Amino acid sequence: MVIGLTVGGWLLFSRKAHALTDNDTIVLADFDNKTGDPVFDYTLKTALNISLRQSPFLNMLSDSEVAKTLQQMTRPVGTKLTPEVARELCQRAGCKAYLAGTIGGLGSQYVLGLKAVNCRSGDTLAEEQVDGGHPKRRCWTRWARRHLSCA
């Protein structure tokens, strides 16, 4: 994949003010695919989910807990996790934040965005947008660890 699931990172707010602890859990929303290419509908979220689950610094809400919480919300298990649904699910599951990603086209390249949002307040904890040709690309796992954890 051209972009290789990478994104640079600059924190919009003080890291210490919004850091998650190793006891906090986050929800991963579905990507908002603005490219029109269905290949991105699930591949980006799946790849990011696998990568984030390997991090010792982040706790992701499990797929079974997502399904269980969706059922409690009287929604089908396969409900698309838009930012609105992810926030409600995040609150009901007792999580601290959710991650929402976007992908769109810019000429022959792609533009990726990733935003971490506090479930309770709706405040943006960190946000980044980068095109596929950005010279200082970084792994999203590192971005998330850097901007969301104390470690």
N, C-alpha and C. Protein backbone atom coordinates (compact mmCIF):
# COMPACT_ATOMS: atom_id res chain seq x y z
N MET A 1 0.85 -1.16 0.00
CA MET A 1 0.00 0.00 0.00
C MET A 1 0.90 1.23 0.00
N VAL A 2 0.53 2.22 -0.82
CA VAL A 2 1.35 3.41 -1.00
C VAL A 2 1.67 4.10 0.30
N ILE A 3 0.70 4.24 1.14
CA ILE A 3 0.90 5.00 2.36
C ILE A 3 1.35 4.16 3.54
N GLY A 4 1.19 2.87 3.43
CA GLY A 4 1.69 1.97 4.46
C GLY A 4 1.21 2.26 5.86
N LEU A 5 -0.01 2.80 5.97
CA LEU A 5 -0.57 3.11 7.29
C LEU A 5 0.38 3.94 8.15
N THR A 6 0.80 5.06 7.58
CA THR A 6 1.70 5.92 8.34
C THR A 6 1.12 7.30 8.51
N VAL A 7 1.55 7.95 9.51
CA VAL A 7 1.10 9.32 9.74
C VAL A 7 2.10 10.00 10.66
N GLY A 8 2.38 11.25 10.41
CA GLY A 8 3.25 12.04 11.28
C GLY A 8 2.49 12.47 12.52
N GLY A 9 3.17 13.00 13.48
CA GLY A 9 2.46 13.40 14.69
C GLY A 9 2.90 14.70 15.30
N TRP A 10 1.96 15.58 15.47
CA TRP A 10 2.15 16.79 16.27
C TRP A 10 0.95 16.91 17.18
N LEU A 11 1.21 17.03 18.43
CA LEU A 11 0.14 17.11 19.41
C LEU A 11 -0.47 18.50 19.39
N LEU A 12 -1.79 18.56 19.34
CA LEU A 12 -2.46 19.86 19.31
C LEU A 12 -2.55 20.48 20.71
N PHE A 13 -2.61 19.63 21.71
CA PHE A 13 -2.70 20.13 23.08
C PHE A 13 -1.60 19.47 23.90
N SER A 14 -1.40 19.92 25.10
CA SER A 14 -0.39 19.36 25.96
C SER A 14 -0.60 17.87 26.15
N ARG A 15 0.45 17.12 25.92
CA ARG A 15 0.38 15.66 26.03
C ARG A 15 -0.01 15.23 27.44
N LYS A 16 0.56 15.86 28.43
CA LYS A 16 0.31 15.45 29.80
C LYS A 16 -1.14 15.69 30.21
N ALA A 17 -1.76 16.71 29.62
CA ALA A 17 -3.14 17.02 29.99
C ALA A 17 -4.11 15.96 29.47
N HIS A 18 -3.72 15.23 28.46
CA HIS A 18 -4.66 14.30 27.83
C HIS A 18 -4.16 12.86 27.81
N ALA A 19 -3.06 12.58 28.47
CA ALA A 19 -2.47 11.25 28.39
C ALA A 19 -3.40 10.20 28.98
N LEU A 20 -3.35 9.04 28.37
CA LEU A 20 -4.06 7.89 28.88
C LEU A 20 -3.11 7.08 29.73
N THR A 21 -3.66 6.38 30.69
CA THR A 21 -2.83 5.48 31.47
C THR A 21 -2.88 4.10 30.84
N ASP A 22 -2.05 3.20 31.32
CA ASP A 22 -2.06 1.85 30.77
C ASP A 22 -3.31 1.08 31.21
N ASN A 23 -4.14 1.67 32.07
CA ASN A 23 -5.40 1.06 32.48
C ASN A 23 -6.58 1.52 31.63
N ASP A 24 -6.39 2.55 30.84
CA ASP A 24 -7.47 3.09 30.01
C ASP A 24 -7.61 2.29 28.72
N THR A 25 -8.84 2.22 28.23
CA THR A 25 -9.13 1.47 27.01
C THR A 25 -9.66 2.44 25.97
N ILE A 26 -9.30 2.18 24.71
CA ILE A 26 -9.77 3.02 23.62
C ILE A 26 -10.54 2.19 22.60
N VAL A 27 -11.42 2.87 21.88
CA VAL A 27 -12.26 2.26 20.85
C VAL A 27 -11.75 2.74 19.50
N LEU A 28 -11.71 1.85 18.54
CA LEU A 28 -11.30 2.21 17.19
C LEU A 28 -12.54 2.28 16.30
N ALA A 29 -12.84 3.49 15.81
CA ALA A 29 -13.98 3.69 14.92
C ALA A 29 -13.61 3.22 13.52
N ASP A 30 -14.63 3.03 12.68
CA ASP A 30 -14.38 2.70 11.28
C ASP A 30 -13.82 3.92 10.56
N PHE A 31 -13.01 3.68 9.54
CA PHE A 31 -12.46 4.78 8.74
C PHE A 31 -13.56 5.38 7.89
N ASP A 32 -13.52 6.69 7.74
CA ASP A 32 -14.39 7.40 6.81
C ASP A 32 -13.67 7.41 5.47
N ASN A 33 -14.11 6.55 4.56
CA ASN A 33 -13.46 6.36 3.27
C ASN A 33 -14.08 7.31 2.24
N LYS A 34 -13.33 8.34 1.89
CA LYS A 34 -13.82 9.32 0.92
C LYS A 34 -13.20 9.11 -0.46
N THR A 35 -12.53 7.98 -0.65
CA THR A 35 -11.86 7.72 -1.93
C THR A 35 -12.79 7.11 -2.95
N GLY A 36 -13.85 6.45 -2.51
CA GLY A 36 -14.72 5.71 -3.42
C GLY A 36 -14.19 4.33 -3.73
N ASP A 37 -13.02 3.99 -3.22
CA ASP A 37 -12.40 2.68 -3.43
C ASP A 37 -12.77 1.77 -2.26
N PRO A 38 -13.59 0.76 -2.49
CA PRO A 38 -14.05 -0.09 -1.37
C PRO A 38 -12.95 -0.88 -0.69
N VAL A 39 -11.78 -0.99 -1.29
CA VAL A 39 -10.69 -1.73 -0.65
C VAL A 39 -10.30 -1.10 0.69
N PHE A 40 -10.54 0.20 0.82
CA PHE A 40 -10.17 0.89 2.06
C PHE A 40 -11.24 0.78 3.15
N ASP A 41 -12.41 0.26 2.82
CA ASP A 41 -13.49 0.22 3.80
C ASP A 41 -13.12 -0.51 5.08
N TYR A 42 -12.41 -1.61 4.97
CA TYR A 42 -12.07 -2.38 6.17
C TYR A 42 -10.57 -2.60 6.35
N THR A 43 -9.79 -2.48 5.29
CA THR A 43 -8.37 -2.81 5.40
C THR A 43 -7.62 -1.86 6.32
N LEU A 44 -7.91 -0.57 6.26
CA LEU A 44 -7.19 0.38 7.11
C LEU A 44 -7.49 0.15 8.59
N LYS A 45 -8.76 -0.02 8.90
CA LYS A 45 -9.12 -0.25 10.31
C LYS A 45 -8.52 -1.56 10.81
N THR A 46 -8.58 -2.59 10.00
CA THR A 46 -8.04 -3.89 10.40
C THR A 46 -6.55 -3.80 10.65
N ALA A 47 -5.83 -3.18 9.73
CA ALA A 47 -4.37 -3.06 9.89
C ALA A 47 -4.01 -2.22 11.11
N LEU A 48 -4.71 -1.11 11.31
CA LEU A 48 -4.42 -0.27 12.47
C LEU A 48 -4.78 -0.99 13.76
N ASN A 49 -5.89 -1.70 13.77
CA ASN A 49 -6.31 -2.45 14.95
C ASN A 49 -5.26 -3.50 15.33
N ILE A 50 -4.78 -4.24 14.36
CA ILE A 50 -3.76 -5.25 14.62
C ILE A 50 -2.49 -4.60 15.18
N SER A 51 -2.10 -3.51 14.57
CA SER A 51 -0.90 -2.81 15.01
C SER A 51 -1.05 -2.25 16.42
N LEU A 52 -2.16 -1.62 16.71
CA LEU A 52 -2.37 -1.03 18.04
C LEU A 52 -2.49 -2.10 19.12
N ARG A 53 -3.05 -3.24 18.80
CA ARG A 53 -3.19 -4.32 19.79
C ARG A 53 -1.82 -4.89 20.19
N GLN A 54 -0.82 -4.69 19.37
CA GLN A 54 0.52 -5.18 19.68
C GLN A 54 1.28 -4.23 20.60
N SER A 55 0.75 -3.04 20.79
CA SER A 55 1.43 -2.06 21.64
C SER A 55 1.20 -2.38 23.11
N PRO A 56 2.27 -2.39 23.91
CA PRO A 56 2.10 -2.61 25.34
C PRO A 56 1.57 -1.37 26.05
N PHE A 57 1.47 -0.25 25.34
CA PHE A 57 1.08 1.02 25.95
C PHE A 57 -0.38 1.38 25.73
N LEU A 58 -1.08 0.63 24.88
CA LEU A 58 -2.47 0.95 24.57
C LEU A 58 -3.34 -0.28 24.76
N ASN A 59 -4.53 -0.07 25.30
CA ASN A 59 -5.52 -1.13 25.44
C ASN A 59 -6.68 -0.83 24.50
N MET A 60 -6.95 -1.75 23.61
CA MET A 60 -8.05 -1.59 22.66
C MET A 60 -9.25 -2.38 23.17
N LEU A 61 -10.44 -1.83 23.00
CA LEU A 61 -11.66 -2.57 23.34
C LEU A 61 -11.75 -3.76 22.39
N SER A 62 -11.94 -4.94 22.93
CA SER A 62 -11.97 -6.15 22.11
C SER A 62 -13.18 -6.18 21.20
N ASP A 63 -13.07 -6.93 20.12
CA ASP A 63 -14.18 -7.08 19.18
C ASP A 63 -15.41 -7.66 19.87
N SER A 64 -15.20 -8.60 20.79
CA SER A 64 -16.35 -9.19 21.50
C SER A 64 -17.02 -8.16 22.41
N GLU A 65 -16.23 -7.29 23.03
CA GLU A 65 -16.81 -6.23 23.87
C GLU A 65 -17.53 -5.19 23.02
N VAL A 66 -17.00 -4.91 21.83
CA VAL A 66 -17.69 -4.00 20.91
C VAL A 66 -19.04 -4.59 20.54
N ALA A 67 -19.05 -5.86 20.16
CA ALA A 67 -20.29 -6.53 19.77
C ALA A 67 -21.29 -6.54 20.93
N LYS A 68 -20.83 -6.86 22.12
CA LYS A 68 -21.69 -6.91 23.30
C LYS A 68 -22.29 -5.54 23.59
N THR A 69 -21.47 -4.50 23.50
CA THR A 69 -21.93 -3.15 23.78
C THR A 69 -22.91 -2.68 22.72
N LEU A 70 -22.66 -3.01 21.46
CA LEU A 70 -23.60 -2.66 20.39
C LEU A 70 -24.96 -3.30 20.64
N GLN A 71 -24.95 -4.54 21.08
CA GLN A 71 -26.22 -5.22 21.38
C GLN A 71 -26.95 -4.53 22.53
N GLN A 72 -26.21 -4.09 23.54
CA GLN A 72 -26.81 -3.36 24.65
C GLN A 72 -27.39 -2.03 24.18
N MET A 73 -26.83 -1.49 23.12
CA MET A 73 -27.31 -0.24 22.54
C MET A 73 -28.47 -0.50 21.57
N THR A 74 -28.90 -1.75 21.47
CA THR A 74 -29.94 -2.23 20.55
C THR A 74 -29.59 -1.90 19.09
N ARG A 75 -28.33 -2.10 18.78
CA ARG A 75 -27.85 -1.93 17.41
C ARG A 75 -27.32 -3.27 16.91
N PRO A 76 -27.40 -3.51 15.60
CA PRO A 76 -26.85 -4.75 15.07
C PRO A 76 -25.34 -4.83 15.31
N VAL A 77 -24.85 -6.04 15.48
CA VAL A 77 -23.43 -6.25 15.75
C VAL A 77 -22.53 -5.64 14.67
N GLY A 78 -22.96 -5.65 13.44
CA GLY A 78 -22.14 -5.12 12.35
C GLY A 78 -22.31 -3.63 12.08
N THR A 79 -22.90 -2.90 13.03
CA THR A 79 -23.12 -1.46 12.86
C THR A 79 -21.79 -0.75 12.58
N LYS A 80 -21.80 0.13 11.58
CA LYS A 80 -20.60 0.91 11.25
C LYS A 80 -20.31 1.85 12.43
N LEU A 81 -19.07 1.84 12.87
CA LEU A 81 -18.67 2.67 14.00
C LEU A 81 -18.26 4.06 13.50
N THR A 82 -19.27 4.86 13.21
CA THR A 82 -19.03 6.26 12.87
C THR A 82 -18.52 6.95 14.13
N PRO A 83 -17.99 8.16 14.03
CA PRO A 83 -17.56 8.84 15.25
C PRO A 83 -18.67 8.97 16.29
N GLU A 84 -19.89 9.21 15.86
CA GLU A 84 -21.00 9.34 16.80
C GLU A 84 -21.29 8.02 17.51
N VAL A 85 -21.35 6.94 16.75
CA VAL A 85 -21.60 5.63 17.34
C VAL A 85 -20.42 5.22 18.21
N ALA A 86 -19.21 5.47 17.75
CA ALA A 86 -18.01 5.11 18.53
C ALA A 86 -17.98 5.85 19.86
N ARG A 87 -18.39 7.11 19.84
CA ARG A 87 -18.39 7.88 21.10
C ARG A 87 -19.41 7.30 22.08
N GLU A 88 -20.61 7.00 21.60
CA GLU A 88 -21.61 6.43 22.48
C GLU A 88 -21.15 5.06 23.00
N LEU A 89 -20.61 4.24 22.12
CA LEU A 89 -20.11 2.93 22.51
C LEU A 89 -18.98 3.08 23.53
N CYS A 90 -18.10 4.02 23.29
CA CYS A 90 -16.98 4.30 24.18
C CYS A 90 -17.48 4.66 25.58
N GLN A 91 -18.47 5.52 25.65
CA GLN A 91 -19.04 5.92 26.94
C GLN A 91 -19.69 4.73 27.65
N ARG A 92 -20.48 3.97 26.92
CA ARG A 92 -21.20 2.84 27.52
C ARG A 92 -20.25 1.75 28.00
N ALA A 93 -19.13 1.59 27.28
CA ALA A 93 -18.16 0.55 27.66
C ALA A 93 -17.18 1.03 28.73
N GLY A 94 -17.28 2.29 29.10
CA GLY A 94 -16.40 2.83 30.14
C GLY A 94 -14.99 3.10 29.64
N CYS A 95 -14.85 3.35 28.37
CA CYS A 95 -13.54 3.65 27.79
C CYS A 95 -13.24 5.13 27.92
N LYS A 96 -12.00 5.49 27.67
CA LYS A 96 -11.59 6.88 27.84
C LYS A 96 -11.61 7.66 26.53
N ALA A 97 -11.26 7.02 25.41
CA ALA A 97 -11.14 7.74 24.14
C ALA A 97 -11.47 6.82 22.98
N TYR A 98 -11.71 7.44 21.83
CA TYR A 98 -11.84 6.67 20.61
C TYR A 98 -10.97 7.29 19.54
N LEU A 99 -10.55 6.45 18.59
CA LEU A 99 -9.76 6.90 17.45
C LEU A 99 -10.63 6.83 16.21
N ALA A 100 -10.64 7.91 15.44
CA ALA A 100 -11.41 7.96 14.20
C ALA A 100 -10.46 8.32 13.07
N GLY A 101 -10.49 7.55 11.99
CA GLY A 101 -9.62 7.79 10.86
C GLY A 101 -10.38 8.15 9.61
N THR A 102 -9.71 8.86 8.71
CA THR A 102 -10.28 9.20 7.41
C THR A 102 -9.23 8.95 6.33
N ILE A 103 -9.70 8.68 5.13
CA ILE A 103 -8.82 8.59 3.98
C ILE A 103 -9.55 9.23 2.80
N GLY A 104 -8.81 10.04 2.08
CA GLY A 104 -9.36 10.69 0.90
C GLY A 104 -8.30 10.80 -0.17
N GLY A 105 -8.71 11.08 -1.38
CA GLY A 105 -7.78 11.22 -2.47
C GLY A 105 -7.34 12.66 -2.67
N LEU A 106 -6.10 12.83 -3.07
CA LEU A 106 -5.55 14.13 -3.42
C LEU A 106 -4.67 13.92 -4.65
N GLY A 107 -5.26 14.10 -5.81
CA GLY A 107 -4.53 13.79 -7.04
C GLY A 107 -4.26 12.30 -7.11
N SER A 108 -2.98 11.95 -7.25
CA SER A 108 -2.60 10.54 -7.32
C SER A 108 -2.20 9.98 -5.96
N GLN A 109 -2.34 10.76 -4.91
CA GLN A 109 -1.97 10.32 -3.57
C GLN A 109 -3.20 10.25 -2.68
N TYR A 110 -2.98 9.76 -1.49
CA TYR A 110 -4.04 9.66 -0.50
C TYR A 110 -3.73 10.58 0.67
N VAL A 111 -4.76 11.09 1.30
CA VAL A 111 -4.62 11.89 2.51
C VAL A 111 -5.23 11.09 3.64
N LEU A 112 -4.44 10.87 4.67
CA LEU A 112 -4.88 10.12 5.85
C LEU A 112 -5.07 11.07 7.01
N GLY A 113 -6.09 10.81 7.79
CA GLY A 113 -6.29 11.58 9.02
C GLY A 113 -6.57 10.63 10.16
N LEU A 114 -6.12 11.00 11.33
CA LEU A 114 -6.39 10.22 12.53
C LEU A 114 -6.63 11.19 13.67
N LYS A 115 -7.71 10.95 14.40
CA LYS A 115 -8.07 11.84 15.50
C LYS A 115 -8.40 11.01 16.73
N ALA A 116 -7.85 11.41 17.87
CA ALA A 116 -8.18 10.80 19.15
C ALA A 116 -9.12 11.76 19.89
N VAL A 117 -10.24 11.21 20.38
CA VAL A 117 -11.27 12.05 20.99
C VAL A 117 -11.63 11.51 22.37
N ASN A 118 -11.75 12.41 23.34
CA ASN A 118 -12.20 12.06 24.68
C ASN A 118 -13.68 11.68 24.59
N CYS A 119 -14.02 10.48 25.06
CA CYS A 119 -15.40 10.00 24.94
C CYS A 119 -16.39 10.84 25.73
N ARG A 120 -16.02 11.27 26.89
CA ARG A 120 -16.95 12.00 27.75
C ARG A 120 -17.20 13.42 27.24
N SER A 121 -16.13 14.16 27.00
CA SER A 121 -16.26 15.58 26.67
C SER A 121 -16.40 15.84 25.17
N GLY A 122 -15.91 14.92 24.35
CA GLY A 122 -15.90 15.15 22.92
C GLY A 122 -14.72 15.98 22.47
N ASP A 123 -13.83 16.33 23.41
CA ASP A 123 -12.65 17.13 23.08
C ASP A 123 -11.66 16.31 22.27
N THR A 124 -11.03 16.94 21.30
CA THR A 124 -9.98 16.29 20.53
C THR A 124 -8.72 16.24 21.39
N LEU A 125 -8.17 15.04 21.56
CA LEU A 125 -6.95 14.85 22.33
C LEU A 125 -5.72 15.05 21.46
N ALA A 126 -5.79 14.56 20.24
CA ALA A 126 -4.69 14.68 19.28
C ALA A 126 -5.27 14.45 17.90
N GLU A 127 -4.66 15.06 16.91
CA GLU A 127 -5.16 14.94 15.54
C GLU A 127 -4.00 15.13 14.58
N GLU A 128 -4.04 14.37 13.51
CA GLU A 128 -2.99 14.49 12.48
C GLU A 128 -3.59 14.18 11.12
N GLN A 129 -3.13 14.90 10.14
CA GLN A 129 -3.49 14.63 8.74
C GLN A 129 -2.22 14.72 7.93
N VAL A 130 -2.04 13.76 7.04
CA VAL A 130 -0.82 13.73 6.24
C VAL A 130 -1.12 13.10 4.89
N ASP A 131 -0.43 13.57 3.86
CA ASP A 131 -0.62 12.94 2.55
C ASP A 131 0.39 11.82 2.38
N GLY A 132 0.16 10.97 1.40
CA GLY A 132 0.99 9.79 1.18
C GLY A 132 2.45 10.09 0.89
N GLY A 133 2.76 11.30 0.50
CA GLY A 133 4.13 11.66 0.17
C GLY A 133 4.84 12.43 1.25
N HIS A 134 4.24 12.50 2.44
CA HIS A 134 4.84 13.26 3.54
C HIS A 134 6.23 12.72 3.87
N PRO A 135 7.25 13.58 3.95
CA PRO A 135 8.63 13.10 4.18
C PRO A 135 8.90 12.58 5.58
N LYS A 136 8.09 12.93 6.56
CA LYS A 136 8.35 12.50 7.93
C LYS A 136 7.24 11.60 8.44
N ARG A 137 6.97 10.56 7.68
CA ARG A 137 5.90 9.63 8.07
C ARG A 137 6.34 8.80 9.26
N ARG A 138 5.36 8.48 10.08
CA ARG A 138 5.62 7.63 11.23
C ARG A 138 4.50 6.61 11.36
N CYS A 139 4.80 5.55 11.98
CA CYS A 139 3.80 4.50 12.21
C CYS A 139 2.70 5.02 13.12
N TRP A 140 1.45 4.68 12.81
CA TRP A 140 0.33 5.13 13.63
C TRP A 140 0.41 4.59 15.03
N THR A 141 0.99 3.44 15.21
CA THR A 141 1.13 2.92 16.56
C THR A 141 2.01 3.84 17.38
N ARG A 142 3.11 4.29 16.79
CA ARG A 142 3.99 5.22 17.50
C ARG A 142 3.27 6.54 17.76
N TRP A 143 2.50 6.99 16.77
CA TRP A 143 1.75 8.23 16.94
C TRP A 143 0.80 8.10 18.12
N ALA A 144 0.04 7.02 18.16
CA ALA A 144 -0.93 6.83 19.24
C ALA A 144 -0.23 6.71 20.58
N ARG A 145 0.86 5.95 20.63
CA ARG A 145 1.59 5.79 21.88
C ARG A 145 2.15 7.13 22.34
N ARG A 146 2.67 7.89 21.41
CA ARG A 146 3.30 9.17 21.71
C ARG A 146 2.28 10.19 22.23
N HIS A 147 1.10 10.19 21.65
CA HIS A 147 0.14 11.22 21.97
C HIS A 147 -0.92 10.82 22.98
N LEU A 148 -1.03 9.54 23.25
CA LEU A 148 -2.11 9.10 24.14
C LEU A 148 -1.64 8.42 25.39
N SER A 149 -0.37 8.08 25.49
CA SER A 149 0.07 7.37 26.68
C SER A 149 1.15 8.14 27.43
N CYS A 150 1.30 7.78 28.67
CA CYS A 150 2.32 8.41 29.50
C CYS A 150 3.69 7.80 29.27
N ALA A 151 3.72 6.60 28.71
CA ALA A 151 4.99 5.88 28.58
C ALA A 151 5.87 6.51 27.52
